[in-house]
Every structure is written in C-alpha cells, then in structure tokens.
C-alpha cells in the first residue's frame, strides 16, 4: 500500500556543545532531504543556560519544519562520567522538545544508525557522510553533527517502514 502523504521526520544527534538536526520526508520508498543544521550552546555559560539554548534552538526548528515524527540517537557511556552526564542531559532536551510538540520519538543506537545507512554496524564518519550524500544527493550539512542527524532520520525511515509492514501483515 502506497503512503499517500509524505511523512516528515527530524533526526537529532544530541550534544551539549553542538546538537545536530536533520529533516527528511519519506513517501513510499522515496526519500527527500528537507533541511539540516546545528544548534549550539555557549560553553562560557552555566549548564542550565546551555540546556535552555539547546531547548530554544530545537523548539524553533520543530516549530519551523513541523515534523511528524522524531528520532534521537542513544548515547554511549564513555570513561568520563561528568561528560557522559552532561551528554545525557542534552539528550533529555533532544527527547523532550519533540515530545512536547506531540511527536512520537524513536531512539536508535549508533550501531543501528550505521547499519541502516552504510550497511554495517561499524564505520567512520566519512563513510556515513558519503552514504548520506548517495542516498540524498541534495543534502547539505554544516557539521558532522548535522550529517549524523540526517543519518538518524534515514535510519528511522527504514525502521518505521518495517514496523508499519509488520503491523499491516498482522492485521490481515
């Protein structure tokens, strides 16, 4: 069954310094690049003010591009507990903003994103960027974070299609 209206998806790559975002549209098997960018916070400010900057920036993006669904990358735990905690707080903002806008929010592990975009669960940023450009030749991104966010949105398009196919088959 062909999807009649396009579904707009925002992918978000959370980070306290830079949070990447990418918006794509999917309709049936087609995929179209809409926009991407990076929301930044000022490292000179206190944590609460930085989180507010991320909240305000992402809120403006969600309001401007009006996505139907959101996908956020899950964070990994690194050796620096303080950095991991701050990343988790930025990730909380990345989950909260689309949720407050009434969007369903999916979460994907970094390896799932890589597998969906480059075909294997391990790969470097150059491979991801190259495949994003292959899949979406009109895609532009100002940072690695924005490119990763587009990859997260692409990952969601693959996973949502399989989830909808399974649901349709179950309903037969």
C-alpha atoms as a PDB file:
ATOM      1  CA  UNK A   1       0.000   0.000   0.000  1.00  0.00           C
ATOM      2  CA  UNK A   2       1.480   3.347  -1.055  1.00  0.00           C
ATOM      3  CA  UNK A   3       1.757   6.032   1.550  1.00  0.00           C
ATOM      4  CA  UNK A   4      -0.357   8.921   0.254  1.00  0.00           C
ATOM      5  CA  UNK A   5       1.045  11.842   2.190  1.00  0.00           C
ATOM      6  CA  UNK A   6       4.724  12.419   2.902  1.00  0.00           C
ATOM      7  CA  UNK A   7       5.912  11.816   6.465  1.00  0.00           C
ATOM      8  CA  UNK A   8       8.384  14.402   7.724  1.00  0.00           C
ATOM      9  CA  UNK A   9      10.991  13.100  10.153  1.00  0.00           C
ATOM     10  CA  UNK A  10      13.510  15.007  12.240  1.00  0.00           C
ATOM     11  CA  UNK A  11      16.668  13.202  13.282  1.00  0.00           C
ATOM     12  CA  UNK A  12      18.535  14.610  16.281  1.00  0.00           C
ATOM     13  CA  UNK A  13      22.157  13.953  17.267  1.00  0.00           C
ATOM     14  CA  UNK A  14      22.349  15.282  20.841  1.00  0.00           C
ATOM     15  CA  UNK A  15      25.371  17.027  22.283  1.00  0.00           C
ATOM     16  CA  UNK A  16      25.892  19.780  24.820  1.00  0.00           C
ATOM     17  CA  UNK A  17      28.210  21.844  22.578  1.00  0.00           C
ATOM     18  CA  UNK A  18      26.501  21.006  19.301  1.00  0.00           C
ATOM     19  CA  UNK A  19      23.199  19.239  18.684  1.00  0.00           C
ATOM     20  CA  UNK A  20      22.754  18.265  15.064  1.00  0.00           C
ATOM     21  CA  UNK A  21      19.362  18.076  13.398  1.00  0.00           C
ATOM     22  CA  UNK A  22      18.223  16.861  10.012  1.00  0.00           C
ATOM     23  CA  UNK A  23      14.773  16.792   8.444  1.00  0.00           C
ATOM     24  CA  UNK A  24      13.785  14.369   5.684  1.00  0.00           C
ATOM     25  CA  UNK A  25      10.497  13.371   4.080  1.00  0.00           C
ATOM     26  CA  UNK A  26       9.561   9.845   3.172  1.00  0.00           C
ATOM     27  CA  UNK A  27       6.735   8.822   0.887  1.00  0.00           C
ATOM     28  CA  UNK A  28       6.508   5.174  -0.070  1.00  0.00           C
ATOM     29  CA  UNK A  29      10.069   4.210  -0.987  1.00  0.00           C
ATOM     30  CA  UNK A  30      11.194   7.736  -1.826  1.00  0.00           C
ATOM     31  CA  UNK A  31      13.277   9.867   0.487  1.00  0.00           C
ATOM     32  CA  UNK A  32      13.777  13.633   0.196  1.00  0.00           C
ATOM     33  CA  UNK A  33      16.127  15.976   2.039  1.00  0.00           C
ATOM     34  CA  UNK A  34      14.399  18.991   3.602  1.00  0.00           C
ATOM     35  CA  UNK A  35      16.951  20.771   5.817  1.00  0.00           C
ATOM     36  CA  UNK A  36      19.679  20.298   8.408  1.00  0.00           C
ATOM     37  CA  UNK A  37      21.757  22.310  10.797  1.00  0.00           C
ATOM     38  CA  UNK A  38      23.297  22.552  14.222  1.00  0.00           C
ATOM     39  CA  UNK A  39      22.072  24.117  17.442  1.00  0.00           C
ATOM     40  CA  UNK A  40      24.960  25.269  19.638  1.00  0.00           C
ATOM     41  CA  UNK A  41      25.352  26.298  23.234  1.00  0.00           C
ATOM     42  CA  UNK A  42      27.819  28.793  24.667  1.00  0.00           C
ATOM     43  CA  UNK A  43      30.479  26.927  26.673  1.00  0.00           C
ATOM     44  CA  UNK A  44      31.063  30.042  28.815  1.00  0.00           C
ATOM     45  CA  UNK A  45      27.555  29.821  30.290  1.00  0.00           C
ATOM     46  CA  UNK A  46      26.359  27.664  33.183  1.00  0.00           C
ATOM     47  CA  UNK A  47      24.818  24.267  32.415  1.00  0.00           C
ATOM     48  CA  UNK A  48      21.199  25.366  32.882  1.00  0.00           C
ATOM     49  CA  UNK A  49      21.640  28.260  30.442  1.00  0.00           C
ATOM     50  CA  UNK A  50      23.300  25.972  27.893  1.00  0.00           C
ATOM     51  CA  UNK A  51      20.457  23.460  28.136  1.00  0.00           C
ATOM     52  CA  UNK A  52      17.984  26.317  27.648  1.00  0.00           C
ATOM     53  CA  UNK A  53      19.864  27.380  24.498  1.00  0.00           C
ATOM     54  CA  UNK A  54      19.510  23.842  23.134  1.00  0.00           C
ATOM     55  CA  UNK A  55      15.831  23.740  24.119  1.00  0.00           C
ATOM     56  CA  UNK A  56      15.078  27.093  22.487  1.00  0.00           C
ATOM     57  CA  UNK A  57      17.010  26.218  19.314  1.00  0.00           C
ATOM     58  CA  UNK A  58      15.422  22.799  18.853  1.00  0.00           C
ATOM     59  CA  UNK A  59      11.977  24.189  19.661  1.00  0.00           C
ATOM     60  CA  UNK A  60      12.392  26.771  16.897  1.00  0.00           C
ATOM     61  CA  UNK A  61      13.454  24.044  14.419  1.00  0.00           C
ATOM     62  CA  UNK A  62      10.494  21.802  15.305  1.00  0.00           C
ATOM     63  CA  UNK A  63       8.126  24.761  15.022  1.00  0.00           C
ATOM     64  CA  UNK A  64       9.597  25.861  11.673  1.00  0.00           C
ATOM     65  CA  UNK A  65       9.791  22.469   9.929  1.00  0.00           C
ATOM     66  CA  UNK A  66       6.769  20.787  11.553  1.00  0.00           C
ATOM     67  CA  UNK A  67       7.970  17.163  11.513  1.00  0.00           C
ATOM     68  CA  UNK A  68       5.517  14.287  12.048  1.00  0.00           C
ATOM     69  CA  UNK A  69       7.973  12.036  13.887  1.00  0.00           C
ATOM     70  CA  UNK A  70      11.335  12.322  15.611  1.00  0.00           C
ATOM     71  CA  UNK A  71      14.339  10.042  16.027  1.00  0.00           C
ATOM     72  CA  UNK A  72      17.121  10.599  18.568  1.00  0.00           C
ATOM     73  CA  UNK A  73      20.445   8.814  18.811  1.00  0.00           C
ATOM     74  CA  UNK A  74      21.061   6.941  22.034  1.00  0.00           C
ATOM     75  CA  UNK A  75      24.202   7.970  23.833  1.00  0.00           C
ATOM     76  CA  UNK A  76      27.127   5.778  24.651  1.00  0.00           C
ATOM     77  CA  UNK A  77      28.845   5.674  28.017  1.00  0.00           C
ATOM     78  CA  UNK A  78      32.424   6.870  27.943  1.00  0.00           C
ATOM     79  CA  UNK A  79      35.167   6.912  30.550  1.00  0.00           C
ATOM     80  CA  UNK A  80      34.467  10.476  31.644  1.00  0.00           C
ATOM     81  CA  UNK A  81      31.422  10.270  33.938  1.00  0.00           C
ATOM     82  CA  UNK A  82      30.923  14.066  34.017  1.00  0.00           C
ATOM     83  CA  UNK A  83      30.917  14.309  30.206  1.00  0.00           C
ATOM     84  CA  UNK A  84      28.533  11.344  29.997  1.00  0.00           C
ATOM     85  CA  UNK A  85      26.152  13.007  32.460  1.00  0.00           C
ATOM     86  CA  UNK A  86      26.191  16.295  30.524  1.00  0.00           C
ATOM     87  CA  UNK A  87      25.570  14.454  27.264  1.00  0.00           C
ATOM     88  CA  UNK A  88      22.661  12.657  28.930  1.00  0.00           C
ATOM     89  CA  UNK A  89      21.180  15.994  29.966  1.00  0.00           C
ATOM     90  CA  UNK A  90      21.477  17.336  26.405  1.00  0.00           C
ATOM     91  CA  UNK A  91      19.867  14.113  25.204  1.00  0.00           C
ATOM     92  CA  UNK A  92      16.995  14.762  27.614  1.00  0.00           C
ATOM     93  CA  UNK A  93      16.382  18.073  25.832  1.00  0.00           C
ATOM     94  CA  UNK A  94      16.538  16.274  22.453  1.00  0.00           C
ATOM     95  CA  UNK A  95      13.821  13.859  23.651  1.00  0.00           C
ATOM     96  CA  UNK A  96      11.728  16.486  25.425  1.00  0.00           C
ATOM     97  CA  UNK A  97      11.349  19.061  22.644  1.00  0.00           C
ATOM     98  CA  UNK A  98       9.684  16.777  20.063  1.00  0.00           C
ATOM     99  CA  UNK A  99       7.666  15.046  22.766  1.00  0.00           C
ATOM    100  CA  UNK A 100       6.261  18.376  23.964  1.00  0.00           C
ATOM    101  CA  UNK A 101       5.332  19.102  20.330  1.00  0.00           C
ATOM    102  CA  UNK A 102       3.235  15.906  20.344  1.00  0.00           C
ATOM    103  CA  UNK A 103       5.584  13.877  18.139  1.00  0.00           C
ATOM    104  CA  UNK A 104       6.299  10.178  18.600  1.00  0.00           C
ATOM    105  CA  UNK A 105      10.010   9.860  19.423  1.00  0.00           C
ATOM    106  CA  UNK A 106      12.083   6.800  18.482  1.00  0.00           C
ATOM    107  CA  UNK A 107      15.574   6.100  19.786  1.00  0.00           C
ATOM    108  CA  UNK A 108      18.357   4.326  17.914  1.00  0.00           C
ATOM    109  CA  UNK A 109      21.753   3.032  18.988  1.00  0.00           C
ATOM    110  CA  UNK A 110      24.721   4.396  16.991  1.00  0.00           C
ATOM    111  CA  UNK A 111      25.380   0.934  15.506  1.00  0.00           C
ATOM    112  CA  UNK A 112      21.764   0.682  14.278  1.00  0.00           C
ATOM    113  CA  UNK A 113      22.140   4.055  12.544  1.00  0.00           C
ATOM    114  CA  UNK A 114      25.384   2.963  10.879  1.00  0.00           C
ATOM    115  CA  UNK A 115      23.866  -0.346   9.792  1.00  0.00           C
ATOM    116  CA  UNK A 116      20.834   1.408   8.251  1.00  0.00           C
ATOM    117  CA  UNK A 117      22.958   3.931   6.363  1.00  0.00           C
ATOM    118  CA  UNK A 118      26.175   2.133   5.391  1.00  0.00           C
ATOM    119  CA  UNK A 119      25.065  -1.500   5.706  1.00  0.00           C
ATOM    120  CA  UNK A 120      27.271  -2.489   8.646  1.00  0.00           C
ATOM    121  CA  UNK A 121      27.164  -1.597  12.330  1.00  0.00           C
ATOM    122  CA  UNK A 122      30.651  -0.132  12.417  1.00  0.00           C
ATOM    123  CA  UNK A 123      32.010   2.639  10.263  1.00  0.00           C
ATOM    124  CA  UNK A 124      33.630   6.025  10.447  1.00  0.00           C
ATOM    125  CA  UNK A 125      32.103   9.455   9.929  1.00  0.00           C
ATOM    126  CA  UNK A 126      33.438   9.710   6.365  1.00  0.00           C
ATOM    127  CA  UNK A 127      31.542   6.570   5.341  1.00  0.00           C
ATOM    128  CA  UNK A 128      28.328   7.872   6.912  1.00  0.00           C
ATOM    129  CA  UNK A 129      28.691  11.266   5.205  1.00  0.00           C
ATOM    130  CA  UNK A 130      29.389   9.621   1.852  1.00  0.00           C
ATOM    131  CA  UNK A 131      26.302   7.392   2.097  1.00  0.00           C
ATOM    132  CA  UNK A 132      24.104  10.290   3.236  1.00  0.00           C
ATOM    133  CA  UNK A 133      25.169  12.106   0.039  1.00  0.00           C
ATOM    134  CA  UNK A 134      24.497   8.973  -2.046  1.00  0.00           C
ATOM    135  CA  UNK A 135      21.030   8.475  -0.532  1.00  0.00           C
ATOM    136  CA  UNK A 136      20.203  12.195  -0.515  1.00  0.00           C
ATOM    137  CA  UNK A 137      22.295  13.953  -3.191  1.00  0.00           C
ATOM    138  CA  UNK A 138      20.746  17.346  -2.350  1.00  0.00           C
ATOM    139  CA  UNK A 139      21.607  17.034   1.345  1.00  0.00           C
ATOM    140  CA  UNK A 140      23.784  19.749   2.826  1.00  0.00           C
ATOM    141  CA  UNK A 141      25.182  19.803   6.335  1.00  0.00           C
ATOM    142  CA  UNK A 142      27.294  22.347   8.181  1.00  0.00           C
ATOM    143  CA  UNK A 143      28.777  19.972  10.787  1.00  0.00           C
ATOM    144  CA  UNK A 144      29.394  16.276  11.429  1.00  0.00           C
ATOM    145  CA  UNK A 145      26.542  16.500  13.938  1.00  0.00           C
ATOM    146  CA  UNK A 146      24.077  17.631  11.253  1.00  0.00           C
ATOM    147  CA  UNK A 147      25.217  14.810   8.930  1.00  0.00           C
ATOM    148  CA  UNK A 148      24.771  12.313  11.764  1.00  0.00           C
ATOM    149  CA  UNK A 149      21.291  13.702  12.435  1.00  0.00           C
ATOM    150  CA  UNK A 150      20.336  13.133   8.786  1.00  0.00           C
ATOM    151  CA  UNK A 151      21.631   9.557   9.147  1.00  0.00           C
ATOM    152  CA  UNK A 152      19.454   9.107  12.259  1.00  0.00           C
ATOM    153  CA  UNK A 153      16.400  10.316  10.302  1.00  0.00           C
ATOM    154  CA  UNK A 154      17.268   7.905   7.453  1.00  0.00           C
ATOM    155  CA  UNK A 155      17.576   5.073   9.982  1.00  0.00           C
ATOM    156  CA  UNK A 156      14.114   5.910  11.282  1.00  0.00           C
ATOM    157  CA  UNK A 157      12.610   5.814   7.792  1.00  0.00           C
ATOM    158  CA  UNK A 158      13.918   2.243   7.390  1.00  0.00           C
ATOM    159  CA  UNK A 159      12.709   1.095  10.793  1.00  0.00           C
ATOM    160  CA  UNK A 160       9.300   2.771  10.600  1.00  0.00           C
ATOM    161  CA  UNK A 161       8.622   1.147   7.225  1.00  0.00           C
ATOM    162  CA  UNK A 162       9.363  -2.327   8.633  1.00  0.00           C
ATOM    163  CA  UNK A 163       7.227  -1.627  11.711  1.00  0.00           C
ATOM    164  CA  UNK A 164       4.320  -0.491   9.502  1.00  0.00           C
ATOM    165  CA  UNK A 165       4.732  -3.527   7.219  1.00  0.00           C
ATOM    166  CA  UNK A 166       4.660  -5.888  10.208  1.00  0.00           C
ATOM    167  CA  UNK A 167       1.561  -4.140  11.571  1.00  0.00           C
ATOM    168  CA  UNK A 168      -0.181  -4.347   8.180  1.00  0.00           C
ATOM    169  CA  UNK A 169       0.633  -8.062   7.849  1.00  0.00           C
ATOM    170  CA  UNK A 170      -0.589  -8.730  11.389  1.00  0.00           C
ATOM    171  CA  UNK A 171      -3.898  -7.047  10.521  1.00  0.00           C
ATOM    172  CA  UNK A 172      -4.529  -9.392   7.526  1.00  0.00           C
END
